[in-house]
């Protein structure tokens, strides 16, 4: 379930999925830092302010095979 950032922010430094908006919307892999900015999870680089994070979602559990 997607959580709007105006309702609740994720735990600091937790890798999550985010919905990004800038001319269109897409999903990215990110974390929220103690400096109150968003960072790409794969590189640690700050996400530019023109790319608006509008919602986030916890990562799913990893695949464990067919049961």
Protein backbone atom coordinates (compact mmCIF):
# COMPACT_ATOMS: atom_id res chain seq x y z
CA UNK A 1 0.00 0.00 0.00
CA UNK A 2 1.38 3.39 -1.01
CA UNK A 3 1.66 5.99 1.77
CA UNK A 4 1.51 9.69 0.80
CA UNK A 5 4.46 11.60 2.30
CA UNK A 6 2.10 14.22 3.69
CA UNK A 7 0.54 11.44 5.85
CA UNK A 8 3.74 9.78 7.10
CA UNK A 9 7.44 9.63 6.28
CA UNK A 10 9.40 6.37 6.24
CA UNK A 11 11.96 5.41 8.88
CA UNK A 12 15.29 7.14 8.37
CA UNK A 13 17.73 5.31 6.08
CA UNK A 14 15.21 2.55 5.27
CA UNK A 15 15.37 1.39 1.64
CA UNK A 16 11.91 1.85 0.13
CA UNK A 17 10.06 2.31 -3.14
CA UNK A 18 9.02 5.87 -3.94
CA UNK A 19 6.68 7.40 -6.49
CA UNK A 20 8.45 10.32 -8.16
CA UNK A 21 6.67 13.09 -10.05
CA UNK A 22 8.28 15.39 -12.63
CA UNK A 23 6.37 15.82 -15.91
CA UNK A 24 5.20 12.21 -15.41
CA UNK A 25 5.32 9.62 -12.58
CA UNK A 26 7.62 6.65 -12.05
CA UNK A 27 8.81 4.36 -9.26
CA UNK A 28 12.36 4.49 -7.87
CA UNK A 29 14.39 2.86 -5.09
CA UNK A 30 15.32 5.37 -2.37
CA UNK A 31 15.76 6.26 1.30
CA UNK A 32 15.00 9.33 3.45
CA UNK A 33 17.93 10.83 5.35
CA UNK A 34 18.33 12.62 8.66
CA UNK A 35 19.12 15.74 6.60
CA UNK A 36 15.43 15.67 5.54
CA UNK A 37 16.30 14.87 1.91
CA UNK A 38 15.65 11.89 -0.36
CA UNK A 39 18.51 9.78 -1.73
CA UNK A 40 18.76 7.15 -4.47
CA UNK A 41 19.30 3.81 -2.71
CA UNK A 42 21.75 2.45 -5.29
CA UNK A 43 24.14 5.44 -5.34
CA UNK A 44 23.34 7.42 -2.18
CA UNK A 45 23.09 10.60 -4.28
CA UNK A 46 20.47 13.15 -3.30
CA UNK A 47 17.37 13.21 -5.46
CA UNK A 48 17.07 16.64 -7.08
CA UNK A 49 14.34 18.84 -5.59
CA UNK A 50 12.55 19.18 -8.95
CA UNK A 51 11.82 15.43 -8.71
CA UNK A 52 8.97 15.46 -6.19
CA UNK A 53 8.54 12.38 -4.02
CA UNK A 54 4.79 12.01 -3.50
CA UNK A 55 4.41 8.58 -1.86
CA UNK A 56 6.43 5.64 -0.56
CA UNK A 57 6.03 1.93 0.05
CA UNK A 58 8.01 -0.67 2.01
CA UNK A 59 9.91 -3.25 0.00
CA UNK A 60 8.25 -6.65 -0.41
CA UNK A 61 9.68 -9.76 1.16
CA UNK A 62 12.24 -11.52 -1.05
CA UNK A 63 11.19 -14.47 -3.17
CA UNK A 64 11.63 -17.74 -1.26
CA UNK A 65 10.81 -20.22 -3.98
CA UNK A 66 7.69 -22.19 -4.70
CA UNK A 67 6.08 -23.79 -1.66
